[in-house]
Amino acid sequence: MFLAKVRGTVVSTSKDERLVGFKLLVVQRLGVDGEYLSYPQVAVDTVGAGVGETVIVTGGSSARFAAARADAPIDSTIVGIVDSVEIGG
């Protein structure tokens, strides 16, 4: 899992039928200091996240199970909305 910021939305009227009914959001991974890492990616939203929110994203086979669609072409799923982050040290 990793933290990401929701950067935007994706509208796709033509897509794999196993993705129908899912809200798709553009997310970008965050570093410890809140900086953007790597490239943005599309994630399935299962928690009602919105643009500008910090979210918890899971990937790989866990993403498909989190979305309750084990056979769907899903690589990233938003599984939580972050209220706060505390890093000690």
PDB file of N, CA and C in Angstrom:
ATOM      1  N   MET A   1       0.845  -1.179   0.000  1.00  0.00           N
ATOM      2  CA  MET A   1       0.000   0.000   0.000  1.00  0.00           C
ATOM      3  C   MET A   1       0.883   1.232   0.000  1.00  0.00           C
ATOM      4  N   PHE A   2       0.315   2.328  -0.474  1.00  0.00           N
ATOM      5  CA  PHE A   2       1.043   3.582  -0.471  1.00  0.00           C
ATOM      6  C   PHE A   2       0.064   4.744  -0.371  1.00  0.00           C
ATOM      7  N   LEU A   3       0.598   5.904   0.012  1.00  0.00           N
ATOM      8  CA  LEU A   3      -0.204   7.119   0.066  1.00  0.00           C
ATOM      9  C   LEU A   3      -0.136   7.824  -1.274  1.00  0.00           C
ATOM     10  N   ALA A   4      -1.247   8.421  -1.670  1.00  0.00           N
ATOM     11  CA  ALA A   4      -1.301   9.140  -2.939  1.00  0.00           C
ATOM     12  C   ALA A   4      -2.255  10.317  -2.802  1.00  0.00           C
ATOM     13  N   LYS A   5      -2.118  11.250  -3.707  1.00  0.00           N
ATOM     14  CA  LYS A   5      -3.035  12.394  -3.793  1.00  0.00           C
ATOM     15  C   LYS A   5      -3.912  12.177  -5.020  1.00  0.00           C
ATOM     16  N   VAL A   6      -5.220  12.414  -4.869  1.00  0.00           N
ATOM     17  CA  VAL A   6      -6.125  12.325  -6.013  1.00  0.00           C
ATOM     18  C   VAL A   6      -5.947  13.600  -6.828  1.00  0.00           C
ATOM     19  N   ARG A   7      -5.518  13.433  -8.085  1.00  0.00           N
ATOM     20  CA  ARG A   7      -5.220  14.573  -8.949  1.00  0.00           C
ATOM     21  C   ARG A   7      -6.344  14.884  -9.930  1.00  0.00           C
ATOM     22  N   GLY A   8      -7.213  13.911 -10.206  1.00  0.00           N
ATOM     23  CA  GLY A   8      -8.273  14.156 -11.185  1.00  0.00           C
ATOM     24  C   GLY A   8      -9.168  12.947 -11.352  1.00  0.00           C
ATOM     25  N   THR A   9     -10.077  13.057 -12.308  1.00  0.00           N
ATOM     26  CA  THR A   9     -11.033  11.995 -12.585  1.00  0.00           C
ATOM     27  C   THR A   9     -10.848  11.491 -14.013  1.00  0.00           C
ATOM     28  N   VAL A  10     -11.365  10.297 -14.260  1.00  0.00           N
ATOM     29  CA  VAL A  10     -11.331   9.702 -15.594  1.00  0.00           C
ATOM     30  C   VAL A  10     -12.761   9.344 -15.980  1.00  0.00           C
ATOM     31  N   VAL A  11     -13.180   9.783 -17.158  1.00  0.00           N
ATOM     32  CA  VAL A  11     -14.479   9.401 -17.702  1.00  0.00           C
ATOM     33  C   VAL A  11     -14.214   8.536 -18.925  1.00  0.00           C
ATOM     34  N   SER A  12     -14.758   7.339 -18.908  1.00  0.00           N
ATOM     35  CA  SER A  12     -14.547   6.406 -20.008  1.00  0.00           C
ATOM     36  C   SER A  12     -15.863   5.699 -20.304  1.00  0.00           C
ATOM     37  N   THR A  13     -16.520   6.106 -21.385  1.00  0.00           N
ATOM     38  CA  THR A  13     -17.801   5.482 -21.721  1.00  0.00           C
ATOM     39  C   THR A  13     -17.608   4.126 -22.385  1.00  0.00           C
ATOM     40  N   SER A  14     -16.447   3.911 -22.976  1.00  0.00           N
ATOM     41  CA  SER A  14     -16.136   2.632 -23.604  1.00  0.00           C
ATOM     42  C   SER A  14     -14.977   1.996 -22.846  1.00  0.00           C
ATOM     43  N   LYS A  15     -15.274   0.903 -22.132  1.00  0.00           N
ATOM     44  CA  LYS A  15     -14.240   0.244 -21.326  1.00  0.00           C
ATOM     45  C   LYS A  15     -14.590  -1.219 -21.141  1.00  0.00           C
ATOM     46  N   ASP A  16     -13.664  -1.970 -20.601  1.00  0.00           N
ATOM     47  CA  ASP A  16     -13.881  -3.373 -20.286  1.00  0.00           C
ATOM     48  C   ASP A  16     -15.132  -3.481 -19.415  1.00  0.00           C
ATOM     49  N   GLU A  17     -15.993  -4.414 -19.750  1.00  0.00           N
ATOM     50  CA  GLU A  17     -17.266  -4.548 -19.026  1.00  0.00           C
ATOM     51  C   GLU A  17     -17.087  -4.814 -17.537  1.00  0.00           C
ATOM     52  N   ARG A  18     -15.936  -5.370 -17.148  1.00  0.00           N
ATOM     53  CA  ARG A  18     -15.691  -5.641 -15.725  1.00  0.00           C
ATOM     54  C   ARG A  18     -15.359  -4.386 -14.937  1.00  0.00           C
ATOM     55  N   LEU A  19     -15.203  -3.254 -15.637  1.00  0.00           N
ATOM     56  CA  LEU A  19     -14.949  -1.973 -14.974  1.00  0.00           C
ATOM     57  C   LEU A  19     -16.195  -1.103 -14.890  1.00  0.00           C
ATOM     58  N   VAL A  20     -17.269  -1.543 -15.499  1.00  0.00           N
ATOM     59  CA  VAL A  20     -18.510  -0.771 -15.475  1.00  0.00           C
ATOM     60  C   VAL A  20     -18.988  -0.623 -14.036  1.00  0.00           C
ATOM     61  N   GLY A  21     -19.373   0.583 -13.676  1.00  0.00           N
ATOM     62  CA  GLY A  21     -19.867   0.860 -12.323  1.00  0.00           C
ATOM     63  C   GLY A  21     -18.815   1.380 -11.377  1.00  0.00           C
ATOM     64  N   PHE A  22     -17.548   1.338 -11.775  1.00  0.00           N
ATOM     65  CA  PHE A  22     -16.479   1.854 -10.924  1.00  0.00           C
ATOM     66  C   PHE A  22     -16.172   3.303 -11.248  1.00  0.00           C
ATOM     67  N   LYS A  23     -15.935   4.093 -10.207  1.00  0.00           N
ATOM     68  CA  LYS A  23     -15.428   5.451 -10.373  1.00  0.00           C
ATOM     69  C   LYS A  23     -13.914   5.342 -10.517  1.00  0.00           C
ATOM     70  N   LEU A  24     -13.372   5.991 -11.547  1.00  0.00           N
ATOM     71  CA  LEU A  24     -11.932   5.948 -11.804  1.00  0.00           C
ATOM     72  C   LEU A  24     -11.322   7.310 -11.506  1.00  0.00           C
ATOM     73  N   LEU A  25     -10.233   7.312 -10.744  1.00  0.00           N
ATOM     74  CA  LEU A  25      -9.557   8.545 -10.364  1.00  0.00           C
ATOM     75  C   LEU A  25      -8.084   8.492 -10.742  1.00  0.00           C
ATOM     76  N   VAL A  26      -7.523   9.652 -11.032  1.00  0.00           N
ATOM     77  CA  VAL A  26      -6.085   9.765 -11.285  1.00  0.00           C
ATOM     78  C   VAL A  26      -5.417  10.046  -9.944  1.00  0.00           C
ATOM     79  N   VAL A  27      -4.472   9.188  -9.558  1.00  0.00           N
ATOM     80  CA  VAL A  27      -3.752   9.358  -8.293  1.00  0.00           C
ATOM     81  C   VAL A  27      -2.258   9.425  -8.570  1.00  0.00           C
ATOM     82  N   GLN A  28      -1.545  10.101  -7.671  1.00  0.00           N
ATOM     83  CA  GLN A  28      -0.090  10.152  -7.782  1.00  0.00           C
ATOM     84  C   GLN A  28       0.516   9.886  -6.411  1.00  0.00           C
ATOM     85  N   ARG A  29       1.443   8.950  -6.386  1.00  0.00           N
ATOM     86  CA  ARG A  29       2.094   8.528  -5.141  1.00  0.00           C
ATOM     87  C   ARG A  29       2.768   9.704  -4.455  1.00  0.00           C
ATOM     88  N   LEU A  30       2.724   9.690  -3.104  1.00  0.00           N
ATOM     89  CA  LEU A  30       3.340  10.733  -2.295  1.00  0.00           C
ATOM     90  C   LEU A  30       4.541  10.189  -1.522  1.00  0.00           C
ATOM     91  N   GLY A  31       5.558  11.037  -1.367  1.00  0.00           N
ATOM     92  CA  GLY A  31       6.707  10.713  -0.540  1.00  0.00           C
ATOM     93  C   GLY A  31       6.463  11.138   0.899  1.00  0.00           C
ATOM     94  N   VAL A  32       7.426  10.901   1.750  1.00  0.00           N
ATOM     95  CA  VAL A  32       7.329  11.202   3.176  1.00  0.00           C
ATOM     96  C   VAL A  32       7.039  12.683   3.444  1.00  0.00           C
ATOM     97  N   ASP A  33       7.602  13.556   2.637  1.00  0.00           N
ATOM     98  CA  ASP A  33       7.407  14.992   2.830  1.00  0.00           C
ATOM     99  C   ASP A  33       6.255  15.548   2.007  1.00  0.00           C
ATOM    100  N   GLY A  34       5.426  14.668   1.438  1.00  0.00           N
ATOM    101  CA  GLY A  34       4.266  15.111   0.670  1.00  0.00           C
ATOM    102  C   GLY A  34       4.559  15.435  -0.781  1.00  0.00           C
ATOM    103  N   GLU A  35       5.793  15.153  -1.227  1.00  0.00           N
ATOM    104  CA  GLU A  35       6.153  15.435  -2.622  1.00  0.00           C
ATOM    105  C   GLU A  35       5.624  14.322  -3.524  1.00  0.00           C
ATOM    106  N   TYR A  36       5.347  14.679  -4.785  1.00  0.00           N
ATOM    107  CA  TYR A  36       4.874  13.685  -5.745  1.00  0.00           C
ATOM    108  C   TYR A  36       6.017  12.802  -6.201  1.00  0.00           C
ATOM    109  N   LEU A  37       5.752  11.505  -6.272  1.00  0.00           N
ATOM    110  CA  LEU A  37       6.723  10.524  -6.756  1.00  0.00           C
ATOM    111  C   LEU A  37       6.157   9.839  -7.994  1.00  0.00           C
ATOM    112  N   SER A  38       6.999   9.409  -8.869  1.00  0.00           N
ATOM    113  CA  SER A  38       6.666   8.674 -10.093  1.00  0.00           C
ATOM    114  C   SER A  38       5.588   9.383 -10.921  1.00  0.00           C
ATOM    115  N   TYR A  39       4.895   8.605 -11.722  1.00  0.00           N
ATOM    116  CA  TYR A  39       3.898   9.149 -12.643  1.00  0.00           C
ATOM    117  C   TYR A  39       2.497   8.925 -12.102  1.00  0.00           C
ATOM    118  N   PRO A  40       1.538   9.765 -12.499  1.00  0.00           N
ATOM    119  CA  PRO A  40       0.149   9.518 -12.098  1.00  0.00           C
ATOM    120  C   PRO A  40      -0.349   8.195 -12.678  1.00  0.00           C
ATOM    121  N   GLN A  41      -1.314   7.602 -12.013  1.00  0.00           N
ATOM    122  CA  GLN A  41      -1.924   6.368 -12.503  1.00  0.00           C
ATOM    123  C   GLN A  41      -3.415   6.398 -12.218  1.00  0.00           C
ATOM    124  N   VAL A  42      -4.145   5.529 -12.881  1.00  0.00           N
ATOM    125  CA  VAL A  42      -5.588   5.436 -12.691  1.00  0.00           C
ATOM    126  C   VAL A  42      -5.869   4.372 -11.644  1.00  0.00           C
ATOM    127  N   ALA A  43      -6.764   4.700 -10.712  1.00  0.00           N
ATOM    128  CA  ALA A  43      -7.142   3.761  -9.656  1.00  0.00           C
ATOM    129  C   ALA A  43      -8.662   3.687  -9.546  1.00  0.00           C
ATOM    130  N   VAL A  44      -9.160   2.521  -9.203  1.00  0.00           N
ATOM    131  CA  VAL A  44     -10.576   2.335  -8.907  1.00  0.00           C
ATOM    132  C   VAL A  44     -10.833   2.890  -7.512  1.00  0.00           C
ATOM    133  N   ASP A  45     -11.923   3.641  -7.364  1.00  0.00           N
ATOM    134  CA  ASP A  45     -12.262   4.221  -6.067  1.00  0.00           C
ATOM    135  C   ASP A  45     -13.358   3.397  -5.404  1.00  0.00           C
ATOM    136  N   THR A  46     -13.073   2.857  -4.209  1.00  0.00           N
ATOM    137  CA  THR A  46     -14.077   2.078  -3.481  1.00  0.00           C
ATOM    138  C   THR A  46     -14.579   2.798  -2.226  1.00  0.00           C
ATOM    139  N   VAL A  47     -14.089   4.022  -1.991  1.00  0.00           N
ATOM    140  CA  VAL A  47     -14.410   4.700  -0.729  1.00  0.00           C
ATOM    141  C   VAL A  47     -15.018   6.089  -0.900  1.00  0.00           C
ATOM    142  N   GLY A  48     -15.228   6.541  -2.115  1.00  0.00           N
ATOM    143  CA  GLY A  48     -15.832   7.853  -2.338  1.00  0.00           C
ATOM    144  C   GLY A  48     -14.863   9.012  -2.207  1.00  0.00           C
ATOM    145  N   ALA A  49     -13.622   8.810  -2.619  1.00  0.00           N
ATOM    146  CA  ALA A  49     -12.600   9.864  -2.541  1.00  0.00           C
ATOM    147  C   ALA A  49     -12.880  10.947  -3.584  1.00  0.00           C
ATOM    148  N   GLY A  50     -12.282  12.122  -3.332  1.00  0.00           N
ATOM    149  CA  GLY A  50     -12.447  13.239  -4.249  1.00  0.00           C
ATOM    150  C   GLY A  50     -11.115  13.875  -4.597  1.00  0.00           C
ATOM    151  N   VAL A  51     -11.135  14.723  -5.601  1.00  0.00           N
ATOM    152  CA  VAL A  51      -9.929  15.411  -6.052  1.00  0.00           C
ATOM    153  C   VAL A  51      -9.349  16.231  -4.901  1.00  0.00           C
ATOM    154  N   GLY A  52      -8.033  16.131  -4.714  1.00  0.00           N
ATOM    155  CA  GLY A  52      -7.331  16.863  -3.675  1.00  0.00           C
ATOM    156  C   GLY A  52      -7.147  16.099  -2.388  1.00  0.00           C
ATOM    157  N   GLU A  53      -7.836  14.965  -2.235  1.00  0.00           N
ATOM    158  CA  GLU A  53      -7.707  14.192  -1.000  1.00  0.00           C
ATOM    159  C   GLU A  53      -6.492  13.271  -1.049  1.00  0.00           C
ATOM    160  N   THR A  54      -5.932  13.035   0.133  1.00  0.00           N
ATOM    161  CA  THR A  54      -4.866  12.049   0.274  1.00  0.00           C
ATOM    162  C   THR A  54      -5.528  10.715   0.565  1.00  0.00           C
ATOM    163  N   VAL A  55      -5.098   9.678  -0.142  1.00  0.00           N
ATOM    164  CA  VAL A  55      -5.750   8.371  -0.047  1.00  0.00           C
ATOM    165  C   VAL A  55      -4.728   7.258   0.147  1.00  0.00           C
ATOM    166  N   ILE A  56      -5.232   6.094   0.567  1.00  0.00           N
ATOM    167  CA  ILE A  56      -4.433   4.876   0.670  1.00  0.00           C
ATOM    168  C   ILE A  56      -4.774   4.031  -0.552  1.00  0.00           C
ATOM    169  N   VAL A  57      -3.719   3.609  -1.260  1.00  0.00           N
ATOM    170  CA  VAL A  57      -3.904   2.842  -2.492  1.00  0.00           C
ATOM    171  C   VAL A  57      -3.225   1.485  -2.336  1.00  0.00           C
ATOM    172  N   THR A  58      -3.899   0.450  -2.764  1.00  0.00           N
ATOM    173  CA  THR A  58      -3.301  -0.877  -2.808  1.00  0.00           C
ATOM    174  C   THR A  58      -3.172  -1.300  -4.269  1.00  0.00           C
ATOM    175  N   GLY A  59      -2.212  -2.177  -4.533  1.00  0.00           N
ATOM    176  CA  GLY A  59      -1.971  -2.559  -5.918  1.00  0.00           C
ATOM    177  C   GLY A  59      -1.897  -4.059  -6.123  1.00  0.00           C
ATOM    178  N   GLY A  60      -1.762  -4.446  -7.380  1.00  0.00           N
ATOM    179  CA  GLY A  60      -1.624  -5.855  -7.736  1.00  0.00           C
ATOM    180  C   GLY A  60      -2.876  -6.655  -7.460  1.00  0.00           C
ATOM    181  N   SER A  61      -2.701  -7.923  -7.101  1.00  0.00           N
ATOM    182  CA  SER A  61      -3.859  -8.785  -6.861  1.00  0.00           C
ATOM    183  C   SER A  61      -4.703  -8.286  -5.692  1.00  0.00           C
ATOM    184  N   SER A  62      -4.068  -7.621  -4.732  1.00  0.00           N
ATOM    185  CA  SER A  62      -4.829  -7.049  -3.607  1.00  0.00           C
ATOM    186  C   SER A  62      -5.812  -5.997  -4.089  1.00  0.00           C
ATOM    187  N   ALA A  63      -5.454  -5.264  -5.131  1.00  0.00           N
ATOM    188  CA  ALA A  63      -6.347  -4.231  -5.677  1.00  0.00           C
ATOM    189  C   ALA A  63      -7.610  -4.856  -6.247  1.00  0.00           C
ATOM    190  N   ARG A  64      -7.472  -5.988  -6.919  1.00  0.00           N
ATOM    191  CA  ARG A  64      -8.649  -6.665  -7.478  1.00  0.00           C
ATOM    192  C   ARG A  64      -9.555  -7.200  -6.365  1.00  0.00           C
ATOM    193  N   PHE A  65      -8.959  -7.762  -5.336  1.00  0.00           N
ATOM    194  CA  PHE A  65      -9.762  -8.275  -4.225  1.00  0.00           C
ATOM    195  C   PHE A  65     -10.428  -7.154  -3.443  1.00  0.00           C
ATOM    196  N   ALA A  66      -9.737  -6.022  -3.277  1.00  0.00           N
ATOM    197  CA  ALA A  66     -10.312  -4.881  -2.561  1.00  0.00           C
ATOM    198  C   ALA A  66     -11.535  -4.334  -3.290  1.00  0.00           C
ATOM    199  N   ALA A  67     -11.522  -4.441  -4.612  1.00  0.00           N
ATOM    200  CA  ALA A  67     -12.648  -3.971  -5.422  1.00  0.00           C
ATOM    201  C   ALA A  67     -13.711  -5.062  -5.600  1.00  0.00           C
ATOM    202  N   ALA A  68     -13.480  -6.219  -5.000  1.00  0.00           N
ATOM    203  CA  ALA A  68     -14.407  -7.355  -5.080  1.00  0.00           C
ATOM    204  C   ALA A  68     -14.639  -7.815  -6.513  1.00  0.00           C
ATOM    205  N   ARG A  69     -13.601  -7.727  -7.326  1.00  0.00           N
ATOM    206  CA  ARG A  69     -13.659  -8.201  -8.715  1.00  0.00           C
ATOM    207  C   ARG A  69     -12.345  -8.900  -9.049  1.00  0.00           C
ATOM    208  N   ALA A  70     -12.192 -10.114  -8.595  1.00  0.00           N
ATOM    209  CA  ALA A  70     -10.934 -10.845  -8.743  1.00  0.00           C
ATOM    210  C   ALA A  70     -10.526 -11.061 -10.192  1.00  0.00           C
ATOM    211  N   ASP A  71     -11.490 -11.007 -11.123  1.00  0.00           N
ATOM    212  CA  ASP A  71     -11.180 -11.251 -12.531  1.00  0.00           C
ATOM    213  C   ASP A  71     -11.075  -9.972 -13.356  1.00  0.00           C
ATOM    214  N   ALA A  72     -11.185  -8.812 -12.724  1.00  0.00           N
ATOM    215  CA  ALA A  72     -11.169  -7.537 -13.452  1.00  0.00           C
ATOM    216  C   ALA A  72      -9.740  -7.047 -13.693  1.00  0.00           C
ATOM    217  N   PRO A  73      -9.534  -6.253 -14.750  1.00  0.00           N
ATOM    218  CA  PRO A  73      -8.210  -5.709 -15.053  1.00  0.00           C
ATOM    219  C   PRO A  73      -7.902  -4.479 -14.196  1.00  0.00           C
ATOM    220  N   ILE A  74      -7.737  -4.698 -12.902  1.00  0.00           N
ATOM    221  CA  ILE A  74      -7.501  -3.606 -11.949  1.00  0.00           C
ATOM    222  C   ILE A  74      -6.115  -3.763 -11.347  1.00  0.00           C
ATOM    223  N   ASP A  75      -5.301  -2.695 -11.430  1.00  0.00           N
ATOM    224  CA  ASP A  75      -3.955  -2.700 -10.856  1.00  0.00           C
ATOM    225  C   ASP A  75      -3.859  -1.866  -9.589  1.00  0.00           C
ATOM    226  N   SER A  76      -4.781  -0.878  -9.409  1.00  0.00           N
ATOM    227  CA  SER A  76      -4.733   0.014  -8.245  1.00  0.00           C
ATOM    228  C   SER A  76      -6.148   0.292  -7.764  1.00  0.00           C
ATOM    229  N   THR A  77      -6.331   0.206  -6.443  1.00  0.00           N
ATOM    230  CA  THR A  77      -7.625   0.495  -5.835  1.00  0.00           C
ATOM    231  C   THR A  77      -7.431   1.399  -4.626  1.00  0.00           C
ATOM    232  N   ILE A  78      -8.248   2.437  -4.550  1.00  0.00           N
ATOM    233  CA  ILE A  78      -8.246   3.319  -3.381  1.00  0.00           C
ATOM    234  C   ILE A  78      -9.060   2.627  -2.295  1.00  0.00           C
ATOM    235  N   VAL A  79      -8.421   2.399  -1.132  1.00  0.00           N
ATOM    236  CA  VAL A  79      -9.074   1.659  -0.052  1.00  0.00           C
ATOM    237  C   VAL A  79      -9.279   2.493   1.211  1.00  0.00           C
ATOM    238  N   GLY A  80      -8.830   3.740   1.204  1.00  0.00           N
ATOM    239  CA  GLY A  80      -9.013   4.585   2.385  1.00  0.00           C
ATOM    240  C   GLY A  80      -8.752   6.048   2.076  1.00  0.00           C
ATOM    241  N   ILE A  81      -9.400   6.913   2.833  1.00  0.00           N
ATOM    242  CA  ILE A  81      -9.167   8.354   2.766  1.00  0.00           C
ATOM    243  C   ILE A  81      -8.415   8.747   4.031  1.00  0.00           C
ATOM    244  N   VAL A  82      -7.300   9.431   3.889  1.00  0.00           N
ATOM    245  CA  VAL A  82      -6.412   9.742   5.010  1.00  0.00           C
ATOM    246  C   VAL A  82      -6.898  11.009   5.731  1.00  0.00           C
ATOM    247  N   ASP A  83      -7.003  10.908   7.058  1.00  0.00           N
ATOM    248  CA  ASP A  83      -7.331  12.070   7.883  1.00  0.00           C
ATOM    249  C   ASP A  83      -6.059  12.801   8.291  1.00  0.00           C
ATOM    250  N   SER A  84      -5.039  12.042   8.686  1.00  0.00           N
ATOM    251  CA  SER A  84      -3.767  12.663   9.061  1.00  0.00           C
ATOM    252  C   SER A  84      -2.658  11.621   8.980  1.00  0.00           C
ATOM    253  N   VAL A  85      -1.441  12.126   8.876  1.00  0.00           N
ATOM    254  CA  VAL A  85      -0.259  11.268   8.845  1.00  0.00           C
ATOM    255  C   VAL A  85       0.740  11.815   9.844  1.00  0.00           C
ATOM    256  N   GLU A  86       1.285  10.957  10.703  1.00  0.00           N
ATOM    257  CA  GLU A  86       2.322  11.354  11.646  1.00  0.00           C
ATOM    258  C   GLU A  86       3.540  10.467  11.422  1.00  0.00           C
ATOM    259  N   ILE A  87       4.665  11.092  11.207  1.00  0.00           N
ATOM    260  CA  ILE A  87       5.906  10.343  11.005  1.00  0.00           C
ATOM    261  C   ILE A  87       6.865  10.738  12.108  1.00  0.00           C
ATOM    262  N   GLY A  88       7.252   9.779  12.926  1.00  0.00           N
ATOM    263  CA  GLY A  88       8.159  10.047  14.035  1.00  0.00           C
ATOM    264  C   GLY A  88       9.601   9.998  13.611  1.00  0.00           C
ATOM    265  N   GLY A  89      10.451  10.467  14.503  1.00  0.00           N
ATOM    266  CA  GLY A  89      11.866  10.319  14.215  1.00  0.00           C
ATOM    267  C   GLY A  89      12.571  11.594  14.267  1.00  0.00           C
TER     268      GLY A  89
END
